[in-house]
Amino acid sequence: MNAAAPAPIQAWHDLVRSPEPEKLRALLSPEVTFRSPAVHTPQEGAEKTFAYLWAATQVLRPTLTYVHEWYDANSAVLQFSATVDGLDVSGVDIIEWDVEGKITDFTVMVRPLKGLQAVIGAMGAELQKSAPGQAG
């Protein structure tokens, strides 16, 4: 992690290193939007976003590595790699935040297709296990 990372990104990295539900909830604006490569429509609100991001911390965190990061005043692009079900996955998290440092928009892009399919399967199972009925 870059020491010059904006505070919301430092907080995100802290969460990824040591996931705690309340840490994640504290990062999210009530009006946050989550955009997933697996779901056609944007997921609106803190509860849906929490469900997806919490599932992602459980699925990706064991092998997640951020390899590059770019920032401006209220947004960042974080390039990552991970392994899911034996498949190498690469992608980016595009994160925007408000003046209070709360995440207002979180967009994920993942490649290649087989890797995305593995992520979709693993995320679906985790969402059912950790937050039944909350995501969709």
C-alpha atoms as a PDB file:
ATOM      1  CA  MET A   1       0.000   0.000   0.000  1.00  0.00           C
ATOM      2  CA  ASN A   2       1.178   3.475  -0.853  1.00  0.00           C
ATOM      3  CA  ALA A   3       1.647   5.705   2.216  1.00  0.00           C
ATOM      4  CA  ALA A   4       0.299   8.614   0.156  1.00  0.00           C
ATOM      5  CA  ALA A   5      -3.043   6.871  -0.342  1.00  0.00           C
ATOM      6  CA  PRO A   6      -6.096   8.979   0.562  1.00  0.00           C
ATOM      7  CA  ALA A   7      -7.681   8.177   3.928  1.00  0.00           C
ATOM      8  CA  PRO A   8     -10.650   6.220   2.474  1.00  0.00           C
ATOM      9  CA  ILE A   9      -8.237   3.994   0.543  1.00  0.00           C
ATOM     10  CA  GLN A  10      -6.034   3.469   3.593  1.00  0.00           C
ATOM     11  CA  ALA A  11      -9.204   2.478   5.487  1.00  0.00           C
ATOM     12  CA  TRP A  12     -10.173   0.083   2.651  1.00  0.00           C
ATOM     13  CA  HIS A  13      -6.733  -1.572   2.789  1.00  0.00           C
ATOM     14  CA  ASP A  14      -7.025  -1.881   6.591  1.00  0.00           C
ATOM     15  CA  LEU A  15     -10.395  -3.582   6.126  1.00  0.00           C
ATOM     16  CA  VAL A  16      -9.035  -6.011   3.530  1.00  0.00           C
ATOM     17  CA  ARG A  17      -6.137  -6.927   5.845  1.00  0.00           C
ATOM     18  CA  SER A  18      -8.417  -7.384   8.848  1.00  0.00           C
ATOM     19  CA  PRO A  19     -12.095  -7.695   7.858  1.00  0.00           C
ATOM     20  CA  GLU A  20     -14.590  -6.597  10.471  1.00  0.00           C
ATOM     21  CA  PRO A  21     -18.245  -5.955   9.581  1.00  0.00           C
ATOM     22  CA  GLU A  22     -18.418  -2.692  11.532  1.00  0.00           C
ATOM     23  CA  LYS A  23     -15.275  -1.358   9.831  1.00  0.00           C
ATOM     24  CA  LEU A  24     -16.908  -1.958   6.462  1.00  0.00           C
ATOM     25  CA  ARG A  25     -20.213  -0.392   7.532  1.00  0.00           C
ATOM     26  CA  ALA A  26     -18.327   2.692   8.774  1.00  0.00           C
ATOM     27  CA  LEU A  27     -16.732   3.156   5.337  1.00  0.00           C
ATOM     28  CA  LEU A  28     -20.024   3.273   3.415  1.00  0.00           C
ATOM     29  CA  SER A  29     -22.209   6.292   2.722  1.00  0.00           C
ATOM     30  CA  PRO A  30     -25.929   5.559   3.183  1.00  0.00           C
ATOM     31  CA  GLU A  31     -26.338   6.468  -0.518  1.00  0.00           C
ATOM     32  CA  VAL A  32     -23.517   4.244  -1.795  1.00  0.00           C
ATOM     33  CA  THR A  33     -23.897   2.455  -5.126  1.00  0.00           C
ATOM     34  CA  PHE A  34     -22.188  -0.841  -5.923  1.00  0.00           C
ATOM     35  CA  ARG A  35     -21.582  -1.906  -9.523  1.00  0.00           C
ATOM     36  CA  SER A  36     -20.640  -5.518 -10.133  1.00  0.00           C
ATOM     37  CA  PRO A  37     -19.505  -7.277 -13.304  1.00  0.00           C
ATOM     38  CA  ALA A  38     -21.937 -10.052 -12.348  1.00  0.00           C
ATOM     39  CA  VAL A  39     -25.101  -7.999 -11.824  1.00  0.00           C
ATOM     40  CA  HIS A  40     -26.634  -5.893 -14.595  1.00  0.00           C
ATOM     41  CA  THR A  41     -28.207  -3.196 -12.420  1.00  0.00           C
ATOM     42  CA  PRO A  42     -26.371  -1.028  -9.902  1.00  0.00           C
ATOM     43  CA  GLN A  43     -27.003  -2.070  -6.305  1.00  0.00           C
ATOM     44  CA  GLU A  44     -28.187   0.948  -4.319  1.00  0.00           C
ATOM     45  CA  GLY A  45     -27.720   1.596  -0.626  1.00  0.00           C
ATOM     46  CA  ALA A  46     -25.426   0.670   2.210  1.00  0.00           C
ATOM     47  CA  GLU A  47     -26.999  -2.705   3.045  1.00  0.00           C
ATOM     48  CA  LYS A  48     -26.762  -4.153  -0.468  1.00  0.00           C
ATOM     49  CA  THR A  49     -23.277  -2.727  -0.939  1.00  0.00           C
ATOM     50  CA  PHE A  50     -22.227  -4.117   2.431  1.00  0.00           C
ATOM     51  CA  ALA A  51     -23.491  -7.587   1.455  1.00  0.00           C
ATOM     52  CA  TYR A  52     -21.511  -7.634  -1.801  1.00  0.00           C
ATOM     53  CA  LEU A  53     -18.319  -6.145  -0.385  1.00  0.00           C
ATOM     54  CA  TRP A  54     -18.399  -8.354   2.704  1.00  0.00           C
ATOM     55  CA  ALA A  55     -18.807 -11.431   0.497  1.00  0.00           C
ATOM     56  CA  ALA A  56     -15.905 -10.198  -1.649  1.00  0.00           C
ATOM     57  CA  THR A  57     -13.652  -9.879   1.395  1.00  0.00           C
ATOM     58  CA  GLN A  58     -14.420 -13.489   2.254  1.00  0.00           C
ATOM     59  CA  VAL A  59     -13.954 -14.830  -1.294  1.00  0.00           C
ATOM     60  CA  LEU A  60     -10.970 -12.792  -2.515  1.00  0.00           C
ATOM     61  CA  ARG A  61      -9.019 -11.749   0.571  1.00  0.00           C
ATOM     62  CA  PRO A  62      -6.979 -14.932   1.027  1.00  0.00           C
ATOM     63  CA  THR A  63      -5.175 -14.315  -2.296  1.00  0.00           C
ATOM     64  CA  LEU A  64      -6.010 -10.662  -3.022  1.00  0.00           C
ATOM     65  CA  THR A  65      -3.055  -8.455  -3.929  1.00  0.00           C
ATOM     66  CA  TYR A  66      -3.319  -4.841  -5.017  1.00  0.00           C
ATOM     67  CA  VAL A  67      -0.659  -4.313  -7.681  1.00  0.00           C
ATOM     68  CA  HIS A  68      -1.206  -0.683  -8.775  1.00  0.00           C
ATOM     69  CA  GLU A  69      -3.173   2.308  -7.506  1.00  0.00           C
ATOM     70  CA  TRP A  70      -4.141   5.684  -8.947  1.00  0.00           C
ATOM     71  CA  TYR A  71      -5.776   8.524  -7.010  1.00  0.00           C
ATOM     72  CA  ASP A  72      -7.294  11.946  -7.381  1.00  0.00           C
ATOM     73  CA  ALA A  73      -9.106  14.176  -4.877  1.00  0.00           C
ATOM     74  CA  ASN A  74     -12.166  11.956  -4.354  1.00  0.00           C
ATOM     75  CA  SER A  75     -11.599   8.735  -6.268  1.00  0.00           C
ATOM     76  CA  ALA A  76      -9.160   5.913  -6.829  1.00  0.00           C
ATOM     77  CA  VAL A  77      -8.556   2.992  -9.139  1.00  0.00           C
ATOM     78  CA  LEU A  78      -7.015  -0.059  -7.494  1.00  0.00           C
ATOM     79  CA  GLN A  79      -5.734  -2.833  -9.762  1.00  0.00           C
ATOM     80  CA  PHE A  80      -5.763  -6.270  -8.150  1.00  0.00           C
ATOM     81  CA  SER A  81      -4.996  -9.917  -8.708  1.00  0.00           C
ATOM     82  CA  ALA A  82      -6.398 -12.950  -6.899  1.00  0.00           C
ATOM     83  CA  THR A  83      -6.970 -16.665  -7.340  1.00  0.00           C
ATOM     84  CA  VAL A  84     -10.479 -18.131  -7.169  1.00  0.00           C
ATOM     85  CA  ASP A  85     -11.079 -21.860  -7.547  1.00  0.00           C
ATOM     86  CA  GLY A  86      -7.595 -22.257  -9.006  1.00  0.00           C
ATOM     87  CA  LEU A  87      -8.115 -19.550 -11.655  1.00  0.00           C
ATOM     88  CA  ASP A  88      -6.080 -16.356 -11.832  1.00  0.00           C
ATOM     89  CA  VAL A  89      -8.277 -13.281 -11.769  1.00  0.00           C
ATOM     90  CA  SER A  90      -7.315  -9.680 -12.391  1.00  0.00           C
ATOM     91  CA  GLY A  91      -9.424  -6.601 -12.090  1.00  0.00           C
ATOM     92  CA  VAL A  92      -9.917  -3.111 -10.814  1.00  0.00           C
ATOM     93  CA  ASP A  93     -11.868  -1.511  -8.019  1.00  0.00           C
ATOM     94  CA  ILE A  94     -13.007   2.021  -8.857  1.00  0.00           C
ATOM     95  CA  ILE A  95     -13.855   3.800  -5.624  1.00  0.00           C
ATOM     96  CA  GLU A  96     -15.359   7.259  -5.107  1.00  0.00           C
ATOM     97  CA  TRP A  97     -15.970   8.995  -1.785  1.00  0.00           C
ATOM     98  CA  ASP A  98     -17.585  12.122  -0.396  1.00  0.00           C
ATOM     99  CA  VAL A  99     -16.117  15.012   1.636  1.00  0.00           C
ATOM    100  CA  GLU A 100     -16.577  12.967   4.813  1.00  0.00           C
ATOM    101  CA  GLY A 101     -14.479  10.157   3.360  1.00  0.00           C
ATOM    102  CA  LYS A 102     -17.450   7.774   3.048  1.00  0.00           C
ATOM    103  CA  ILE A 103     -17.512   5.556  -0.043  1.00  0.00           C
ATOM    104  CA  THR A 104     -20.271   6.687  -2.410  1.00  0.00           C
ATOM    105  CA  ASP A 105     -19.548   4.491  -5.418  1.00  0.00           C
ATOM    106  CA  PHE A 106     -17.741   1.159  -5.721  1.00  0.00           C
ATOM    107  CA  THR A 107     -17.351  -0.394  -9.171  1.00  0.00           C
ATOM    108  CA  VAL A 108     -15.616  -3.720  -9.782  1.00  0.00           C
ATOM    109  CA  MET A 109     -14.348  -5.013 -13.122  1.00  0.00           C
ATOM    110  CA  VAL A 110     -12.907  -8.536 -13.434  1.00  0.00           C
ATOM    111  CA  ARG A 111     -11.226 -10.536 -16.183  1.00  0.00           C
ATOM    112  CA  PRO A 112     -10.813 -13.051 -17.809  1.00  0.00           C
ATOM    113  CA  LEU A 113     -14.263 -14.519 -18.413  1.00  0.00           C
ATOM    114  CA  LYS A 114     -13.441 -17.879 -16.774  1.00  0.00           C
ATOM    115  CA  GLY A 115     -12.103 -16.002 -13.756  1.00  0.00           C
ATOM    116  CA  LEU A 116     -15.226 -13.852 -13.607  1.00  0.00           C
ATOM    117  CA  GLN A 117     -17.372 -16.997 -13.764  1.00  0.00           C
ATOM    118  CA  ALA A 118     -15.427 -18.441 -10.810  1.00  0.00           C
ATOM    119  CA  VAL A 119     -15.895 -15.199  -8.876  1.00  0.00           C
ATOM    120  CA  ILE A 120     -19.636 -15.187  -9.646  1.00  0.00           C
ATOM    121  CA  GLY A 121     -20.021 -18.739  -8.346  1.00  0.00           C
ATOM    122  CA  ALA A 122     -17.981 -18.131  -5.197  1.00  0.00           C
ATOM    123  CA  MET A 123     -19.683 -14.788  -4.496  1.00  0.00           C
ATOM    124  CA  GLY A 124     -23.127 -16.314  -4.987  1.00  0.00           C
ATOM    125  CA  ALA A 125     -22.354 -19.039  -2.460  1.00  0.00           C
ATOM    126  CA  GLU A 126     -20.903 -16.533   0.016  1.00  0.00           C
ATOM    127  CA  LEU A 127     -23.863 -14.160  -0.350  1.00  0.00           C
ATOM    128  CA  GLN A 128     -26.246 -17.021   0.412  1.00  0.00           C
ATOM    129  CA  LYS A 129     -24.186 -18.027   3.431  1.00  0.00           C
ATOM    130  CA  SER A 130     -23.410 -14.640   4.975  1.00  0.00           C
ATOM    131  CA  ALA A 131     -26.298 -12.389   4.003  1.00  0.00           C
ATOM    132  CA  PRO A 132     -29.338 -14.373   2.845  1.00  0.00           C
ATOM    133  CA  GLY A 133     -32.021 -12.158   1.359  1.00  0.00           C
ATOM    134  CA  GLN A 134     -29.958  -8.959   1.497  1.00  0.00           C
ATOM    135  CA  ALA A 135     -28.387  -8.900  -1.954  1.00  0.00           C
ATOM    136  CA  GLY A 136     -30.022  -9.057  -5.313  1.00  0.00           C
END
